[in-house]
PDB file of N, CA and C in Angstrom:
ATOM      1  N   MET A   1       9.815   7.859 -11.673  1.00  0.00           N
ATOM      2  CA  MET A   1       9.894   9.023 -10.143  1.00  0.00           C
ATOM      3  C   MET A   1       8.870  10.173 -10.224  1.00  0.00           C
ATOM      4  N   LYS A   2       8.811  10.352 -11.665  1.00  0.00           N
ATOM      5  CA  LYS A   2       8.194  11.791 -11.589  1.00  0.00           C
ATOM      6  C   LYS A   2       6.849  11.514 -11.080  1.00  0.00           C
ATOM      7  N   VAL A   3       6.512  10.002 -11.183  1.00  0.00           N
ATOM      8  CA  VAL A   3       4.861   9.643 -11.387  1.00  0.00           C
ATOM      9  C   VAL A   3       4.622   9.503  -9.630  1.00  0.00           C
ATOM     10  N   LYS A   4       5.402   9.373  -8.566  1.00  0.00           N
ATOM     11  CA  LYS A   4       5.499   9.589  -7.317  1.00  0.00           C
ATOM     12  C   LYS A   4       5.648  10.956  -6.412  1.00  0.00           C
ATOM     13  N   ILE A   5       6.785  11.792  -7.462  1.00  0.00           N
ATOM     14  CA  ILE A   5       6.812  13.354  -6.879  1.00  0.00           C
ATOM     15  C   ILE A   5       5.115  13.778  -7.133  1.00  0.00           C
ATOM     16  N   ALA A   6       4.660  13.880  -8.369  1.00  0.00           N
ATOM     17  CA  ALA A   6       3.168  14.125  -8.729  1.00  0.00           C
ATOM     18  C   ALA A   6       2.241  13.650  -7.704  1.00  0.00           C
ATOM     19  N   ARG A   7       2.180  12.644  -7.689  1.00  0.00           N
ATOM     20  CA  ARG A   7       1.229  11.830  -6.588  1.00  0.00           C
ATOM     21  C   ARG A   7       1.560  12.612  -5.383  1.00  0.00           C
ATOM     22  N   ILE A   8       2.731  12.852  -4.681  1.00  0.00           N
ATOM     23  CA  ILE A   8       2.309  12.798  -2.954  1.00  0.00           C
ATOM     24  C   ILE A   8       2.388  14.867  -3.403  1.00  0.00           C
ATOM     25  N   LYS A   9       2.699  15.184  -4.365  1.00  0.00           N
ATOM     26  CA  LYS A   9       2.384  16.619  -4.605  1.00  0.00           C
ATOM     27  C   LYS A   9       0.530  17.301  -4.402  1.00  0.00           C
ATOM     28  N   LYS A  10       0.291  16.196  -5.213  1.00  0.00           N
ATOM     29  CA  LYS A  10      -1.136  16.393  -5.349  1.00  0.00           C
ATOM     30  C   LYS A  10      -2.050  15.941  -3.411  1.00  0.00           C
ATOM     31  N   GLY A  11      -0.953  14.998  -2.854  1.00  0.00           N
ATOM     32  CA  GLY A  11      -1.617  14.286  -1.356  1.00  0.00           C
ATOM     33  C   GLY A  11      -2.252  13.268  -1.710  1.00  0.00           C
ATOM     34  N   LEU A  12      -1.826  12.618  -2.714  1.00  0.00           N
ATOM     35  CA  LEU A  12      -1.898  10.880  -2.518  1.00  0.00           C
ATOM     36  C   LEU A  12      -1.500   9.951  -2.198  1.00  0.00           C
ATOM     37  N   THR A  13      -1.893   8.858  -1.992  1.00  0.00           N
ATOM     38  CA  THR A  13      -1.425   7.804  -1.348  1.00  0.00           C
ATOM     39  C   THR A  13      -1.015   6.929  -2.561  1.00  0.00           C
ATOM     40  N   GLN A  14      -0.790   5.746  -2.795  1.00  0.00           N
ATOM     41  CA  GLN A  14      -0.125   4.812  -3.335  1.00  0.00           C
ATOM     42  C   GLN A  14      -1.572   4.522  -3.583  1.00  0.00           C
ATOM     43  N   MET A  15      -2.443   4.158  -2.836  1.00  0.00           N
ATOM     44  CA  MET A  15      -3.802   3.640  -2.648  1.00  0.00           C
ATOM     45  C   MET A  15      -5.107   4.117  -3.336  1.00  0.00           C
ATOM     46  N   GLU A  16      -5.196   5.612  -3.015  1.00  0.00           N
ATOM     47  CA  GLU A  16      -5.720   6.539  -3.582  1.00  0.00           C
ATOM     48  C   GLU A  16      -5.455   6.472  -4.909  1.00  0.00           C
ATOM     49  N   LEU A  17      -4.429   6.534  -5.355  1.00  0.00           N
ATOM     50  CA  LEU A  17      -4.308   6.976  -6.750  1.00  0.00           C
ATOM     51  C   LEU A  17      -4.246   5.657  -7.705  1.00  0.00           C
ATOM     52  N   ARG A  18      -4.225   4.752  -6.987  1.00  0.00           N
ATOM     53  CA  ARG A  18      -4.609   3.661  -7.760  1.00  0.00           C
ATOM     54  C   ARG A  18      -6.355   3.631  -7.446  1.00  0.00           C
ATOM     55  N   GLU A  19      -6.945   3.801  -6.813  1.00  0.00           N
ATOM     56  CA  GLU A  19      -8.162   4.129  -7.101  1.00  0.00           C
ATOM     57  C   GLU A  19      -8.555   4.869  -8.602  1.00  0.00           C
ATOM     58  N   LEU A  20      -8.027   5.643  -8.250  1.00  0.00           N
ATOM     59  CA  LEU A  20      -8.269   7.078  -9.343  1.00  0.00           C
ATOM     60  C   LEU A  20      -8.292   6.294 -10.859  1.00  0.00           C
ATOM     61  N   VAL A  21      -7.639   5.693 -10.929  1.00  0.00           N
ATOM     62  CA  VAL A  21      -7.069   4.799 -12.205  1.00  0.00           C
ATOM     63  C   VAL A  21      -7.315   3.510 -12.277  1.00  0.00           C
ATOM     64  N   LYS A  22      -8.365   2.841 -11.855  1.00  0.00           N
ATOM     65  CA  LYS A  22      -8.628   1.496 -11.936  1.00  0.00           C
ATOM     66  C   LYS A  22      -8.711   1.076 -13.864  1.00  0.00           C
ATOM     67  N   PRO A  23      -9.132   0.116 -13.885  1.00  0.00           N
ATOM     68  CA  PRO A  23      -8.230  -1.147 -13.392  1.00  0.00           C
ATOM     69  C   PRO A  23      -6.613  -1.374 -13.022  1.00  0.00           C
ATOM     70  N   MET A  24      -6.054  -0.774 -12.451  1.00  0.00           N
ATOM     71  CA  MET A  24      -4.367  -0.881 -12.419  1.00  0.00           C
ATOM     72  C   MET A  24      -4.119  -1.434 -10.797  1.00  0.00           C
ATOM     73  N   SER A  25      -3.374  -2.424 -10.653  1.00  0.00           N
ATOM     74  CA  SER A  25      -3.314  -2.399  -9.425  1.00  0.00           C
ATOM     75  C   SER A  25      -1.794  -2.024  -8.535  1.00  0.00           C
ATOM     76  N   LEU A  26      -2.052  -2.046  -7.078  1.00  0.00           N
ATOM     77  CA  LEU A  26      -0.884  -1.733  -6.633  1.00  0.00           C
ATOM     78  C   LEU A  26       0.451  -2.166  -6.949  1.00  0.00           C
ATOM     79  N   SER A  27       0.507  -3.525  -7.103  1.00  0.00           N
ATOM     80  CA  SER A  27       2.015  -3.181  -7.528  1.00  0.00           C
ATOM     81  C   SER A  27       2.458  -2.633  -9.159  1.00  0.00           C
ATOM     82  N   THR A  28       1.740  -2.700  -9.972  1.00  0.00           N
ATOM     83  CA  THR A  28       1.627  -1.911 -11.240  1.00  0.00           C
ATOM     84  C   THR A  28       2.153  -0.248 -10.499  1.00  0.00           C
ATOM     85  N   ILE A  29       0.981   0.243  -9.818  1.00  0.00           N
ATOM     86  CA  ILE A  29       1.941   1.371  -9.323  1.00  0.00           C
ATOM     87  C   ILE A  29       3.149   1.896  -8.722  1.00  0.00           C
ATOM     88  N   VAL A  30       2.978   0.827  -8.125  1.00  0.00           N
ATOM     89  CA  VAL A  30       4.809   0.934  -6.818  1.00  0.00           C
ATOM     90  C   VAL A  30       5.955   0.461  -8.434  1.00  0.00           C
ATOM     91  N   LYS A  31       5.859   0.100  -9.076  1.00  0.00           N
ATOM     92  CA  LYS A  31       6.675  -0.235 -10.788  1.00  0.00           C
ATOM     93  C   LYS A  31       7.160   0.805 -10.837  1.00  0.00           C
ATOM     94  N   ILE A  32       5.356   1.845 -11.379  1.00  0.00           N
ATOM     95  CA  ILE A  32       5.650   2.483 -12.327  1.00  0.00           C
ATOM     96  C   ILE A  32       6.497   3.529 -11.299  1.00  0.00           C
ATOM     97  N   GLU A  33       6.025   3.878 -10.318  1.00  0.00           N
ATOM     98  CA  GLU A  33       6.810   5.186  -9.128  1.00  0.00           C
ATOM     99  C   GLU A  33       8.113   4.634  -9.484  1.00  0.00           C
ATOM    100  N   ARG A  34       9.144   3.477  -9.256  1.00  0.00           N
ATOM    101  CA  ARG A  34      10.314   3.279  -9.435  1.00  0.00           C
ATOM    102  C   ARG A  34      11.174   3.510 -11.015  1.00  0.00           C
ATOM    103  N   GLY A  35      10.073   3.877 -11.785  1.00  0.00           N
ATOM    104  CA  GLY A  35      10.842   3.954 -13.084  1.00  0.00           C
ATOM    105  C   GLY A  35      10.274   2.665 -13.998  1.00  0.00           C
ATOM    106  N   ASP A  36       9.600   1.600 -13.903  1.00  0.00           N
ATOM    107  CA  ASP A  36       9.401   0.793 -14.690  1.00  0.00           C
ATOM    108  C   ASP A  36       8.534   1.010 -15.311  1.00  0.00           C
ATOM    109  N   VAL A  37       8.398   1.216 -16.354  1.00  0.00           N
ATOM    110  CA  VAL A  37       7.461   1.368 -17.263  1.00  0.00           C
ATOM    111  C   VAL A  37       6.859   0.621 -18.661  1.00  0.00           C
ATOM    112  N   ASN A  38       7.874  -0.759 -18.644  1.00  0.00           N
ATOM    113  CA  ASN A  38       7.283  -1.738 -19.398  1.00  0.00           C
ATOM    114  C   ASN A  38       6.133  -2.458 -19.628  1.00  0.00           C
ATOM    115  N   GLY A  39       5.847  -2.144 -20.357  1.00  0.00           N
ATOM    116  CA  GLY A  39       4.210  -2.938 -20.744  1.00  0.00           C
ATOM    117  C   GLY A  39       3.237  -1.933 -20.401  1.00  0.00           C
ATOM    118  N   LEU A  40       3.537  -0.690 -19.756  1.00  0.00           N
ATOM    119  CA  LEU A  40       2.801   0.605 -19.888  1.00  0.00           C
ATOM    120  C   LEU A  40       1.939   1.229 -20.623  1.00  0.00           C
ATOM    121  N   THR A  41       0.502   0.588 -20.763  1.00  0.00           N
ATOM    122  CA  THR A  41       0.011   1.087 -22.073  1.00  0.00           C
ATOM    123  C   THR A  41      -0.270   2.786 -22.190  1.00  0.00           C
ATOM    124  N   LEU A  42      -0.989   3.377 -23.498  1.00  0.00           N
ATOM    125  CA  LEU A  42      -0.727   4.837 -23.299  1.00  0.00           C
ATOM    126  C   LEU A  42      -2.304   5.037 -22.701  1.00  0.00           C
ATOM    127  N   GLY A  43      -3.447   3.988 -22.779  1.00  0.00           N
ATOM    128  CA  GLY A  43      -4.299   4.560 -21.784  1.00  0.00           C
ATOM    129  C   GLY A  43      -4.296   4.703 -20.491  1.00  0.00           C
ATOM    130  N   GLN A  44      -2.790   3.306 -20.170  1.00  0.00           N
ATOM    131  CA  GLN A  44      -2.850   3.646 -18.229  1.00  0.00           C
ATOM    132  C   GLN A  44      -2.202   4.841 -17.516  1.00  0.00           C
ATOM    133  N   ALA A  45      -1.017   5.567 -18.619  1.00  0.00           N
ATOM    134  CA  ALA A  45      -0.245   6.130 -18.744  1.00  0.00           C
ATOM    135  C   ALA A  45      -1.590   7.758 -18.840  1.00  0.00           C
ATOM    136  N   LYS A  46      -2.595   7.427 -19.585  1.00  0.00           N
ATOM    137  CA  LYS A  46      -3.543   8.703 -19.786  1.00  0.00           C
ATOM    138  C   LYS A  46      -3.896   8.886 -18.580  1.00  0.00           C
ATOM    139  N   ARG A  47      -4.403   7.612 -18.012  1.00  0.00           N
ATOM    140  CA  ARG A  47      -5.333   7.414 -17.015  1.00  0.00           C
ATOM    141  C   ARG A  47      -4.673   8.114 -15.368  1.00  0.00           C
ATOM    142  N   ILE A  48      -3.186   7.718 -15.658  1.00  0.00           N
ATOM    143  CA  ILE A  48      -2.588   8.061 -14.563  1.00  0.00           C
ATOM    144  C   ILE A  48      -2.320   9.958 -14.829  1.00  0.00           C
ATOM    145  N   ALA A  49      -1.264  10.414 -15.598  1.00  0.00           N
ATOM    146  CA  ALA A  49      -1.438  11.796 -15.836  1.00  0.00           C
ATOM    147  C   ALA A  49      -3.020  12.810 -15.671  1.00  0.00           C
ATOM    148  N   LYS A  50      -4.250  12.128 -15.761  1.00  0.00           N
ATOM    149  CA  LYS A  50      -5.649  12.888 -15.646  1.00  0.00           C
ATOM    150  C   LYS A  50      -5.870  12.809 -14.043  1.00  0.00           C
ATOM    151  N   ALA A  51      -5.310  11.324 -13.528  1.00  0.00           N
ATOM    152  CA  ALA A  51      -5.633  11.522 -12.421  1.00  0.00           C
ATOM    153  C   ALA A  51      -4.520  13.380 -11.369  1.00  0.00           C
ATOM    154  N   LEU A  52      -3.419  12.862 -11.986  1.00  0.00           N
ATOM    155  CA  LEU A  52      -2.342  14.216 -11.254  1.00  0.00           C
ATOM    156  C   LEU A  52      -2.629  14.850 -11.538  1.00  0.00           C
ATOM    157  N   ASP A  53      -3.325  15.813 -12.747  1.00  0.00           N
ATOM    158  CA  ASP A  53      -3.788  16.903 -13.252  1.00  0.00           C
ATOM    159  C   ASP A  53      -2.572  17.215 -14.022  1.00  0.00           C
ATOM    160  N   THR A  54      -1.702  16.374 -15.202  1.00  0.00           N
ATOM    161  CA  THR A  54      -0.543  16.819 -15.757  1.00  0.00           C
ATOM    162  C   THR A  54      -0.396  16.119 -16.883  1.00  0.00           C
ATOM    163  N   THR A  55       0.055  15.963 -18.131  1.00  0.00           N
ATOM    164  CA  THR A  55      -0.008  15.222 -19.370  1.00  0.00           C
ATOM    165  C   THR A  55       1.009  14.311 -19.430  1.00  0.00           C
ATOM    166  N   VAL A  56       0.790  13.300 -20.483  1.00  0.00           N
ATOM    167  CA  VAL A  56       1.609  11.892 -20.175  1.00  0.00           C
ATOM    168  C   VAL A  56       2.676  12.354 -20.498  1.00  0.00           C
ATOM    169  N   GLU A  57       3.297  13.548 -21.291  1.00  0.00           N
ATOM    170  CA  GLU A  57       4.301  13.746 -21.866  1.00  0.00           C
ATOM    171  C   GLU A  57       5.151  14.335 -20.389  1.00  0.00           C
ATOM    172  N   GLU A  58       4.445  14.690 -20.083  1.00  0.00           N
ATOM    173  CA  GLU A  58       5.705  15.924 -18.183  1.00  0.00           C
ATOM    174  C   GLU A  58       5.682  14.280 -17.307  1.00  0.00           C
ATOM    175  N   LEU A  59       4.753  13.508 -17.390  1.00  0.00           N
ATOM    176  CA  LEU A  59       5.504  12.649 -16.301  1.00  0.00           C
ATOM    177  C   LEU A  59       6.645  11.334 -16.841  1.00  0.00           C
ATOM    178  N   PHE A  60       6.048  11.003 -18.650  1.00  0.00           N
ATOM    179  CA  PHE A  60       6.984   9.844 -18.643  1.00  0.00           C
ATOM    180  C   PHE A  60       7.922  10.426 -19.698  1.00  0.00           C
ATOM    181  N   PHE A  61       7.908  11.714 -20.467  1.00  0.00           N
ATOM    182  CA  PHE A  61       9.341  12.001 -21.431  1.00  0.00           C
ATOM    183  C   PHE A  61       9.917  13.112 -21.350  1.00  0.00           C
ATOM    184  N   LYS A  62       9.225  14.387 -20.005  1.00  0.00           N
ATOM    185  CA  LYS A  62      10.100  15.194 -20.757  1.00  0.00           C
ATOM    186  C   LYS A  62      11.227  15.095 -19.505  1.00  0.00           C
ATOM    187  N   GLU A  63      12.413  15.761 -19.860  1.00  0.00           N
ATOM    188  CA  GLU A  63      13.647  15.519 -18.578  1.00  0.00           C
ATOM    189  C   GLU A  63      13.356  16.733 -17.379  1.00  0.00           C
ATOM    190  N   GLY A  64      14.386  16.270 -16.549  1.00  0.00           N
ATOM    191  CA  GLY A  64      14.266  16.941 -15.235  1.00  0.00           C
ATOM    192  C   GLY A  64      13.052  16.702 -14.708  1.00  0.00           C
TER     193      GLY A  64
END
């Protein structure tokens, strides 16, 4: 859910985020935004965090 909020705050659509974090499918972006991070690699998490101008810790590990 934090990924979705960060994406919206940055003014990006899911497709725009996908373009920034290639190679990643749109369905993977949707799953991650729903909280399904099973199979998410550290590399993918880093690319998402970089695209959203935040950290992996902030998006995936911090409470609240």
